[in-house]
Amino acid sequence: VEGNNLFTHGEQIETTLITGIIYPKSCRFSLFLCSVLVIADQLFVVRLKEAAEVALANSLTLRNVGEVLKLSGTYNANQLKQCCLQYISLNLPAVLEARYVF
């Protein structure tokens, strides 16, 4: 994991290089939460999994809602899945325009 700084429209954005892909600093927390959800599901730690679901639901964006929806289906995170579907339905024009989900 390497840190770097990018400049976009006059703003400095801290990034992280993980497996050859540059992630903005704001995405690192979502990646961490996804890892927590996966591990909690694998270890049957229900309360931790539920906490990760809530935290991920609160950090949904147009860019990550598709991936989080896939993750929620894979790891039986039903509350998170419902939040993703609701987020998509409330933001459908923007989601379709951005094509992040599909």
Protein backbone atom coordinates (compact mmCIF):
# COMPACT_ATOMS: atom_id res chain seq x y z
CA VAL A 1 0.00 0.00 0.00
CA GLU A 2 1.48 3.28 -1.10
CA GLY A 3 0.25 6.81 -0.42
CA ASN A 4 0.22 9.56 -3.01
CA ASN A 5 -1.27 12.99 -3.56
CA LEU A 6 -3.17 14.01 -6.69
CA PHE A 7 -4.28 17.46 -7.71
CA THR A 8 -7.73 17.81 -9.27
CA HIS A 9 -9.33 21.16 -10.04
CA GLY A 10 -7.02 22.89 -7.57
CA GLU A 11 -7.73 20.40 -4.77
CA GLN A 12 -5.21 18.03 -3.32
CA ILE A 13 -6.64 14.51 -3.00
CA GLU A 14 -4.82 11.86 -0.99
CA THR A 15 -4.86 8.47 -2.69
CA THR A 16 -3.78 4.94 -1.92
CA LEU A 17 -2.37 2.38 -4.33
CA ILE A 18 -3.78 -1.06 -3.57
CA THR A 19 -3.14 -3.95 -5.96
CA GLY A 20 -2.28 -1.59 -8.80
CA ILE A 21 -5.46 0.51 -8.53
CA ILE A 22 -5.44 4.05 -7.16
CA TYR A 23 -8.23 4.61 -4.63
CA PRO A 24 -9.11 8.03 -3.22
CA LYS A 25 -8.72 8.28 0.55
CA SER A 26 -12.51 8.28 0.95
CA CYS A 27 -12.72 4.85 -0.71
CA ARG A 28 -10.23 3.25 1.67
CA PHE A 29 -12.76 3.27 4.48
CA SER A 30 -15.36 1.56 2.28
CA LEU A 31 -12.82 -1.08 1.28
CA PHE A 32 -12.02 -1.64 4.95
CA LEU A 33 -15.73 -2.00 5.80
CA CYS A 34 -16.18 -4.50 2.99
CA SER A 35 -13.31 -6.55 4.40
CA VAL A 36 -14.83 -6.42 7.88
CA LEU A 37 -18.19 -7.59 6.50
CA VAL A 38 -16.60 -10.53 4.67
CA ILE A 39 -14.54 -11.65 7.64
CA ALA A 40 -17.42 -11.24 10.09
CA ASP A 41 -19.62 -13.37 7.84
CA GLN A 42 -16.95 -16.06 7.51
CA LEU A 43 -16.40 -16.16 11.29
CA PHE A 44 -20.13 -15.93 12.13
CA VAL A 45 -19.68 -12.76 14.18
CA VAL A 46 -23.24 -11.51 13.71
CA ARG A 47 -23.02 -8.22 15.62
CA LEU A 48 -19.84 -7.17 13.82
CA LYS A 49 -21.41 -8.06 10.48
CA GLU A 50 -24.49 -5.99 11.32
CA ALA A 51 -22.31 -3.06 12.36
CA ALA A 52 -20.38 -3.28 9.09
CA GLU A 53 -23.68 -3.36 7.18
CA VAL A 54 -24.86 -0.19 8.91
CA ALA A 55 -21.55 1.59 8.32
CA LEU A 56 -21.52 0.58 4.64
CA ALA A 57 -25.14 1.67 4.22
CA ASN A 58 -24.18 5.09 5.60
CA SER A 59 -21.29 5.38 3.15
CA LEU A 60 -23.15 4.50 -0.06
CA THR A 61 -22.32 6.62 -3.10
CA LEU A 62 -23.13 6.45 -6.79
CA ARG A 63 -19.68 5.00 -7.37
CA ASN A 64 -19.83 2.19 -4.83
CA VAL A 65 -23.51 1.18 -4.65
CA GLY A 66 -23.18 -1.46 -7.37
CA GLU A 67 -20.21 -3.19 -5.77
CA VAL A 68 -21.76 -3.00 -2.30
CA LEU A 69 -24.98 -4.50 -3.69
CA LYS A 70 -23.02 -7.43 -5.16
CA LEU A 71 -21.18 -7.88 -1.87
CA SER A 72 -24.42 -7.83 0.12
CA GLY A 73 -25.84 -10.60 -2.04
CA THR A 74 -22.72 -12.73 -1.81
CA TYR A 75 -22.46 -12.51 1.98
CA ASN A 76 -26.17 -12.59 2.88
CA ALA A 77 -26.22 -9.02 4.19
CA ASN A 78 -29.95 -8.55 3.71
CA GLN A 79 -30.27 -5.19 5.49
CA LEU A 80 -27.43 -3.79 3.42
CA LYS A 81 -28.97 -5.19 0.25
CA GLN A 82 -32.26 -3.43 1.01
CA CYS A 83 -30.41 -0.16 1.67
CA CYS A 84 -28.59 -0.48 -1.66
CA LEU A 85 -31.80 -1.16 -3.55
CA GLN A 86 -33.49 1.79 -1.85
CA TYR A 87 -30.50 4.04 -2.63
CA ILE A 88 -30.61 2.97 -6.27
CA SER A 89 -34.36 3.53 -6.55
CA LEU A 90 -34.12 6.99 -4.96
CA ASN A 91 -31.22 7.96 -7.23
CA LEU A 92 -32.19 6.01 -10.35
CA PRO A 93 -31.67 8.78 -12.94
CA ALA A 94 -28.18 9.56 -11.62
CA VAL A 95 -27.28 5.86 -11.30
CA LEU A 96 -28.37 5.13 -14.87
CA GLU A 97 -26.58 8.19 -16.22
CA ALA A 98 -23.35 7.32 -14.41
CA ARG A 99 -23.62 3.59 -15.28
CA TYR A 100 -21.84 2.63 -12.07
CA VAL A 101 -24.21 -0.21 -11.18
CA PHE A 102 -24.27 -1.95 -14.51
